[in-house]
Amino acid sequence: SCRSGRGKLAAVKFLTVISAVLVLCGLFYGLLHRVRLSPRLSALAAGCVLWGFIGLTGFGVSSVRAGVMMTLLLLGKILYRPAHALNSLFCAVVLLLLWNPRTVSSASFQLSFSAVLGLILLAGPIRSALERKLWRLPRLFSGALGIFSASLACNLGMLPVLLKLFGGISLSGLAVNLLVLPLMPVILALSG
């Protein structure tokens, strides 16, 4: 359905934004660390660049969600504590709900966080299972297998929310998403 497609597009947009945020922060952090800036100062500077970037994007909901999660990961660097993806996700949920409790009823919020939860919990096991089944697959396809595993994990993570919000799913839509979802960051980037 159209509503289901818009909801999934919102989740994909969030994943694209978080990917851009991770790449931006990771590159900036790595550059500063390479010039021998301490991990704490590198993380602090990367956090400032991160929130500057989010400000330039107009503090959109997807950007703020990604920023909160990345800030929590950077905070781990500043405090010399390991950052865990699940902890960061749930802290982001709590912080965003404290900021605006009505967000919990937003389809975009529910789909984006369920997609990330699926990614965190399922992408690794799915990839491992596929690698065991496809052990003869050339290394050339390793990246494609990772993208497919992440796409499937996101779809599986969103499945309960899609069923709740839209009362059903389109099996053909899921199949198409597994093929198209890996291309969405490129498509959205090219669309401006």
C-alpha atoms as a PDB file:
ATOM      1  CA  SER A   1       0.000   0.000   0.000  1.00  0.00           C
ATOM      2  CA  CYS A   2       1.008   3.627  -0.419  1.00  0.00           C
ATOM      3  CA  ARG A   3       1.037   4.282   3.332  1.00  0.00           C
ATOM      4  CA  SER A   4       3.257   1.253   3.899  1.00  0.00           C
ATOM      5  CA  GLY A   5       5.603   2.520   1.185  1.00  0.00           C
ATOM      6  CA  ARG A   6       5.827   5.988   2.751  1.00  0.00           C
ATOM      7  CA  GLY A   7       6.532   4.471   6.147  1.00  0.00           C
ATOM      8  CA  LYS A   8       9.271   2.298   4.745  1.00  0.00           C
ATOM      9  CA  LEU A   9      10.685   5.268   2.861  1.00  0.00           C
ATOM     10  CA  ALA A  10      10.855   7.172   6.174  1.00  0.00           C
ATOM     11  CA  ALA A  11      12.765   4.270   7.725  1.00  0.00           C
ATOM     12  CA  VAL A  12      15.103   4.113   4.720  1.00  0.00           C
ATOM     13  CA  LYS A  13      15.624   7.873   4.964  1.00  0.00           C
ATOM     14  CA  PHE A  14      16.594   7.428   8.620  1.00  0.00           C
ATOM     15  CA  LEU A  15      19.030   4.654   7.717  1.00  0.00           C
ATOM     16  CA  THR A  16      20.499   6.835   4.963  1.00  0.00           C
ATOM     17  CA  VAL A  17      20.872   9.760   7.366  1.00  0.00           C
ATOM     18  CA  ILE A  18      22.456   7.606  10.053  1.00  0.00           C
ATOM     19  CA  SER A  19      24.833   6.179   7.426  1.00  0.00           C
ATOM     20  CA  ALA A  20      25.836   9.697   6.368  1.00  0.00           C
ATOM     21  CA  VAL A  21      26.260  10.731  10.014  1.00  0.00           C
ATOM     22  CA  LEU A  22      28.386   7.666  10.782  1.00  0.00           C
ATOM     23  CA  VAL A  23      30.578   8.227   7.736  1.00  0.00           C
ATOM     24  CA  LEU A  24      30.959  11.965   8.432  1.00  0.00           C
ATOM     25  CA  CYS A  25      31.778  11.461  12.109  1.00  0.00           C
ATOM     26  CA  GLY A  26      33.964   8.443  11.473  1.00  0.00           C
ATOM     27  CA  LEU A  27      36.029  10.251   8.851  1.00  0.00           C
ATOM     28  CA  PHE A  28      36.367  13.387  10.941  1.00  0.00           C
ATOM     29  CA  TYR A  29      37.190  11.434  14.107  1.00  0.00           C
ATOM     30  CA  GLY A  30      39.731   9.313  12.213  1.00  0.00           C
ATOM     31  CA  LEU A  31      41.353  12.396  10.658  1.00  0.00           C
ATOM     32  CA  LEU A  32      41.713  14.122  14.023  1.00  0.00           C
ATOM     33  CA  HIS A  33      42.971  10.958  15.681  1.00  0.00           C
ATOM     34  CA  ARG A  34      45.498  10.511  12.842  1.00  0.00           C
ATOM     35  CA  VAL A  35      46.936  13.983  13.526  1.00  0.00           C
ATOM     36  CA  ARG A  36      47.507  12.776  17.085  1.00  0.00           C
ATOM     37  CA  LEU A  37      44.613  14.538  18.775  1.00  0.00           C
ATOM     38  CA  SER A  38      43.532  12.566  21.828  1.00  0.00           C
ATOM     39  CA  PRO A  39      40.514  10.256  21.472  1.00  0.00           C
ATOM     40  CA  ARG A  40      38.557  12.499  23.847  1.00  0.00           C
ATOM     41  CA  LEU A  41      39.244  15.694  21.911  1.00  0.00           C
ATOM     42  CA  SER A  42      38.694  13.911  18.579  1.00  0.00           C
ATOM     43  CA  ALA A  43      35.292  12.670  19.769  1.00  0.00           C
ATOM     44  CA  LEU A  44      34.371  16.089  21.150  1.00  0.00           C
ATOM     45  CA  ALA A  45      35.309  17.814  17.889  1.00  0.00           C
ATOM     46  CA  ALA A  46      33.483  15.149  15.853  1.00  0.00           C
ATOM     47  CA  GLY A  47      30.403  15.760  18.024  1.00  0.00           C
ATOM     48  CA  CYS A  48      30.546  19.480  17.280  1.00  0.00           C
ATOM     49  CA  VAL A  49      30.827  18.808  13.535  1.00  0.00           C
ATOM     50  CA  LEU A  50      27.986  16.290  13.833  1.00  0.00           C
ATOM     51  CA  TRP A  51      25.572  18.758  15.426  1.00  0.00           C
ATOM     52  CA  GLY A  52      26.695  21.485  13.008  1.00  0.00           C
ATOM     53  CA  PHE A  53      25.788  19.146  10.138  1.00  0.00           C
ATOM     54  CA  ILE A  54      22.442  18.327  11.754  1.00  0.00           C
ATOM     55  CA  GLY A  55      21.803  22.060  12.140  1.00  0.00           C
ATOM     56  CA  LEU A  56      22.553  22.571   8.448  1.00  0.00           C
ATOM     57  CA  THR A  57      19.948  19.919   7.616  1.00  0.00           C
ATOM     58  CA  GLY A  58      17.370  21.870   9.633  1.00  0.00           C
ATOM     59  CA  PHE A  59      17.267  19.591  12.687  1.00  0.00           C
ATOM     60  CA  GLY A  60      15.013  17.128  10.864  1.00  0.00           C
ATOM     61  CA  VAL A  61      13.607  14.318  12.954  1.00  0.00           C
ATOM     62  CA  SER A  62      15.699  11.667  11.167  1.00  0.00           C
ATOM     63  CA  SER A  63      18.849  13.742  11.588  1.00  0.00           C
ATOM     64  CA  VAL A  64      18.225  14.346  15.286  1.00  0.00           C
ATOM     65  CA  ARG A  65      17.613  10.622  15.896  1.00  0.00           C
ATOM     66  CA  ALA A  66      20.845   9.746  14.119  1.00  0.00           C
ATOM     67  CA  GLY A  67      22.648  12.530  15.975  1.00  0.00           C
ATOM     68  CA  VAL A  68      21.487  11.331  19.378  1.00  0.00           C
ATOM     69  CA  MET A  69      22.667   7.807  18.614  1.00  0.00           C
ATOM     70  CA  MET A  70      26.029   9.010  17.296  1.00  0.00           C
ATOM     71  CA  THR A  71      26.485  11.381  20.226  1.00  0.00           C
ATOM     72  CA  LEU A  72      26.044   8.446  22.589  1.00  0.00           C
ATOM     73  CA  LEU A  73      28.698   6.506  20.682  1.00  0.00           C
ATOM     74  CA  LEU A  74      31.053   9.503  20.820  1.00  0.00           C
ATOM     75  CA  LEU A  75      30.333   9.922  24.516  1.00  0.00           C
ATOM     76  CA  GLY A  76      31.695   6.401  24.977  1.00  0.00           C
ATOM     77  CA  LYS A  77      34.977   7.606  23.427  1.00  0.00           C
ATOM     78  CA  ILE A  78      35.049  10.676  25.644  1.00  0.00           C
ATOM     79  CA  LEU A  79      34.434   8.612  28.803  1.00  0.00           C
ATOM     80  CA  TYR A  80      36.740   5.797  27.651  1.00  0.00           C
ATOM     81  CA  ARG A  81      33.830   3.366  27.799  1.00  0.00           C
ATOM     82  CA  PRO A  82      32.840   0.954  25.063  1.00  0.00           C
ATOM     83  CA  ALA A  83      29.672   1.996  23.292  1.00  0.00           C
ATOM     84  CA  HIS A  84      27.152  -0.704  22.468  1.00  0.00           C
ATOM     85  CA  ALA A  85      24.702  -0.286  19.610  1.00  0.00           C
ATOM     86  CA  LEU A  86      21.679  -1.579  21.556  1.00  0.00           C
ATOM     87  CA  ASN A  87      22.396   0.687  24.510  1.00  0.00           C
ATOM     88  CA  SER A  88      22.798   3.643  22.171  1.00  0.00           C
ATOM     89  CA  LEU A  89      19.542   2.822  20.389  1.00  0.00           C
ATOM     90  CA  PHE A  90      17.547   2.526  23.609  1.00  0.00           C
ATOM     91  CA  CYS A  91      19.121   5.655  25.105  1.00  0.00           C
ATOM     92  CA  ALA A  92      18.193   7.520  21.922  1.00  0.00           C
ATOM     93  CA  VAL A  93      14.617   6.246  22.256  1.00  0.00           C
ATOM     94  CA  VAL A  94      14.413   7.376  25.888  1.00  0.00           C
ATOM     95  CA  LEU A  95      15.943  10.797  25.178  1.00  0.00           C
ATOM     96  CA  LEU A  96      13.700  11.441  22.199  1.00  0.00           C
ATOM     97  CA  LEU A  97      10.596  10.379  24.121  1.00  0.00           C
ATOM     98  CA  LEU A  98      11.571  12.589  27.057  1.00  0.00           C
ATOM     99  CA  TRP A  99      11.959  15.462  24.596  1.00  0.00           C
ATOM    100  CA  ASN A 100       8.614  14.751  22.871  1.00  0.00           C
ATOM    101  CA  PRO A 101       6.496  11.874  24.244  1.00  0.00           C
ATOM    102  CA  ARG A 102       4.039  12.119  21.317  1.00  0.00           C
ATOM    103  CA  THR A 103       6.801  10.888  19.012  1.00  0.00           C
ATOM    104  CA  VAL A 104       6.012   7.339  20.111  1.00  0.00           C
ATOM    105  CA  SER A 105       2.854   7.367  17.971  1.00  0.00           C
ATOM    106  CA  SER A 106       4.722   8.466  14.836  1.00  0.00           C
ATOM    107  CA  ALA A 107       4.943   5.789  12.138  1.00  0.00           C
ATOM    108  CA  SER A 108       8.328   7.183  11.117  1.00  0.00           C
ATOM    109  CA  PHE A 109       9.637   6.840  14.681  1.00  0.00           C
ATOM    110  CA  GLN A 110       8.333   3.286  15.065  1.00  0.00           C
ATOM    111  CA  LEU A 111       9.571   2.119  11.680  1.00  0.00           C
ATOM    112  CA  SER A 112      12.994   3.715  11.886  1.00  0.00           C
ATOM    113  CA  PHE A 113      13.745   2.356  15.342  1.00  0.00           C
ATOM    114  CA  SER A 114      12.368  -1.094  14.526  1.00  0.00           C
ATOM    115  CA  ALA A 115      14.523  -1.104  11.370  1.00  0.00           C
ATOM    116  CA  VAL A 116      17.644  -0.202  13.358  1.00  0.00           C
ATOM    117  CA  LEU A 117      16.765  -2.769  16.034  1.00  0.00           C
ATOM    118  CA  GLY A 118      16.399  -5.407  13.317  1.00  0.00           C
ATOM    119  CA  LEU A 119      19.721  -4.317  11.849  1.00  0.00           C
ATOM    120  CA  ILE A 120      21.499  -4.581  15.212  1.00  0.00           C
ATOM    121  CA  LEU A 121      19.978  -7.905  16.242  1.00  0.00           C
ATOM    122  CA  LEU A 122      19.573  -9.760  12.953  1.00  0.00           C
ATOM    123  CA  ALA A 123      22.070  -8.600  10.319  1.00  0.00           C
ATOM    124  CA  GLY A 124      25.028 -10.517  11.795  1.00  0.00           C
ATOM    125  CA  PRO A 125      23.188 -13.813  12.308  1.00  0.00           C
ATOM    126  CA  ILE A 126      21.552 -13.589   8.860  1.00  0.00           C
ATOM    127  CA  ARG A 127      24.908 -12.938   7.221  1.00  0.00           C
ATOM    128  CA  SER A 128      26.533 -15.816   9.135  1.00  0.00           C
ATOM    129  CA  ALA A 129      23.750 -18.193   8.128  1.00  0.00           C
ATOM    130  CA  LEU A 130      24.003 -17.127   4.479  1.00  0.00           C
ATOM    131  CA  GLU A 131      27.804 -17.442   4.511  1.00  0.00           C
ATOM    132  CA  ARG A 132      27.486 -21.010   5.836  1.00  0.00           C
ATOM    133  CA  LYS A 133      25.010 -21.858   3.077  1.00  0.00           C
ATOM    134  CA  LEU A 134      26.929 -20.003   0.358  1.00  0.00           C
ATOM    135  CA  TRP A 135      30.481 -20.814   1.432  1.00  0.00           C
ATOM    136  CA  ARG A 136      31.595 -21.150  -2.174  1.00  0.00           C
ATOM    137  CA  LEU A 137      30.507 -17.616  -2.982  1.00  0.00           C
ATOM    138  CA  PRO A 138      33.458 -15.590  -4.307  1.00  0.00           C
ATOM    139  CA  ARG A 139      34.794 -12.841  -2.027  1.00  0.00           C
ATOM    140  CA  LEU A 140      33.673 -10.368  -4.673  1.00  0.00           C
ATOM    141  CA  PHE A 141      30.083 -10.865  -3.476  1.00  0.00           C
ATOM    142  CA  SER A 142      30.896 -10.364   0.213  1.00  0.00           C
ATOM    143  CA  GLY A 143      29.775  -6.716   0.161  1.00  0.00           C
ATOM    144  CA  ALA A 144      26.555  -7.598  -1.635  1.00  0.00           C
ATOM    145  CA  LEU A 145      25.888 -10.301   0.942  1.00  0.00           C
ATOM    146  CA  GLY A 146      26.353  -7.736   3.724  1.00  0.00           C
ATOM    147  CA  ILE A 147      23.950  -5.299   2.065  1.00  0.00           C
ATOM    148  CA  PHE A 148      21.397  -8.049   1.449  1.00  0.00           C
ATOM    149  CA  SER A 149      21.704  -9.240   5.075  1.00  0.00           C
ATOM    150  CA  ALA A 150      21.244  -5.685   6.379  1.00  0.00           C
ATOM    151  CA  SER A 151      18.237  -5.139   4.092  1.00  0.00           C
ATOM    152  CA  LEU A 152      16.603  -8.377   5.185  1.00  0.00           C
ATOM    153  CA  ALA A 153      17.319  -7.573   8.850  1.00  0.00           C
ATOM    154  CA  CYS A 154      15.710  -4.127   8.506  1.00  0.00           C
ATOM    155  CA  ASN A 155      12.663  -5.602   6.791  1.00  0.00           C
ATOM    156  CA  LEU A 156      12.274  -8.259   9.465  1.00  0.00           C
ATOM    157  CA  GLY A 157      12.683  -5.617  12.171  1.00  0.00           C
ATOM    158  CA  MET A 158       9.939  -3.488  10.626  1.00  0.00           C
ATOM    159  CA  LEU A 159       7.599  -6.417  10.016  1.00  0.00           C
ATOM    160  CA  PRO A 160       5.712  -6.315  13.366  1.00  0.00           C
ATOM    161  CA  VAL A 161       5.300  -2.538  13.111  1.00  0.00           C
ATOM    162  CA  LEU A 162       4.050  -2.763   9.525  1.00  0.00           C
ATOM    163  CA  LEU A 163       1.524  -5.398  10.561  1.00  0.00           C
ATOM    164  CA  LYS A 164       0.348  -3.231  13.476  1.00  0.00           C
ATOM    165  CA  LEU A 165       0.190   0.048  11.541  1.00  0.00           C
ATOM    166  CA  PHE A 166      -1.091  -1.121   8.191  1.00  0.00           C
ATOM    167  CA  GLY A 167      -2.835  -4.382   9.020  1.00  0.00           C
ATOM    168  CA  GLY A 168      -0.803  -6.455   6.613  1.00  0.00           C
ATOM    169  CA  ILE A 169       2.151  -6.590   4.308  1.00  0.00           C
ATOM    170  CA  SER A 170       2.697  -7.198   0.661  1.00  0.00           C
ATOM    171  CA  LEU A 171       4.932 -10.200   0.103  1.00  0.00           C
ATOM    172  CA  SER A 172       5.850  -8.883  -3.336  1.00  0.00           C
ATOM    173  CA  GLY A 173       6.687  -5.580  -1.658  1.00  0.00           C
ATOM    174  CA  LEU A 174       9.063  -7.335   0.729  1.00  0.00           C
ATOM    175  CA  ALA A 175      10.758  -9.098  -2.180  1.00  0.00           C
ATOM    176  CA  VAL A 176      11.127  -5.842  -4.107  1.00  0.00           C
ATOM    177  CA  ASN A 177      12.430  -4.089  -0.979  1.00  0.00           C
ATOM    178  CA  LEU A 178      15.170  -6.684  -0.595  1.00  0.00           C
ATOM    179  CA  LEU A 179      16.297  -5.794  -4.098  1.00  0.00           C
ATOM    180  CA  VAL A 180      15.725  -2.018  -3.953  1.00  0.00           C
ATOM    181  CA  LEU A 181      16.572  -1.151  -0.325  1.00  0.00           C
ATOM    182  CA  PRO A 182      20.335  -1.528  -0.846  1.00  0.00           C
ATOM    183  CA  LEU A 183      20.090   1.046  -3.660  1.00  0.00           C
ATOM    184  CA  MET A 184      18.045   3.615  -1.695  1.00  0.00           C
ATOM    185  CA  PRO A 185      21.004   5.562  -0.215  1.00  0.00           C
ATOM    186  CA  VAL A 186      22.344   6.118  -3.733  1.00  0.00           C
ATOM    187  CA  ILE A 187      18.893   7.007  -5.102  1.00  0.00           C
ATOM    188  CA  LEU A 188      18.158   9.443  -2.263  1.00  0.00           C
ATOM    189  CA  ALA A 189      21.615  11.023  -2.542  1.00  0.00           C
ATOM    190  CA  LEU A 190      21.169  11.554  -6.290  1.00  0.00           C
ATOM    191  CA  SER A 191      17.664  12.966  -5.831  1.00  0.00           C
ATOM    192  CA  GLY A 192      19.043  15.883  -3.839  1.00  0.00           C
END
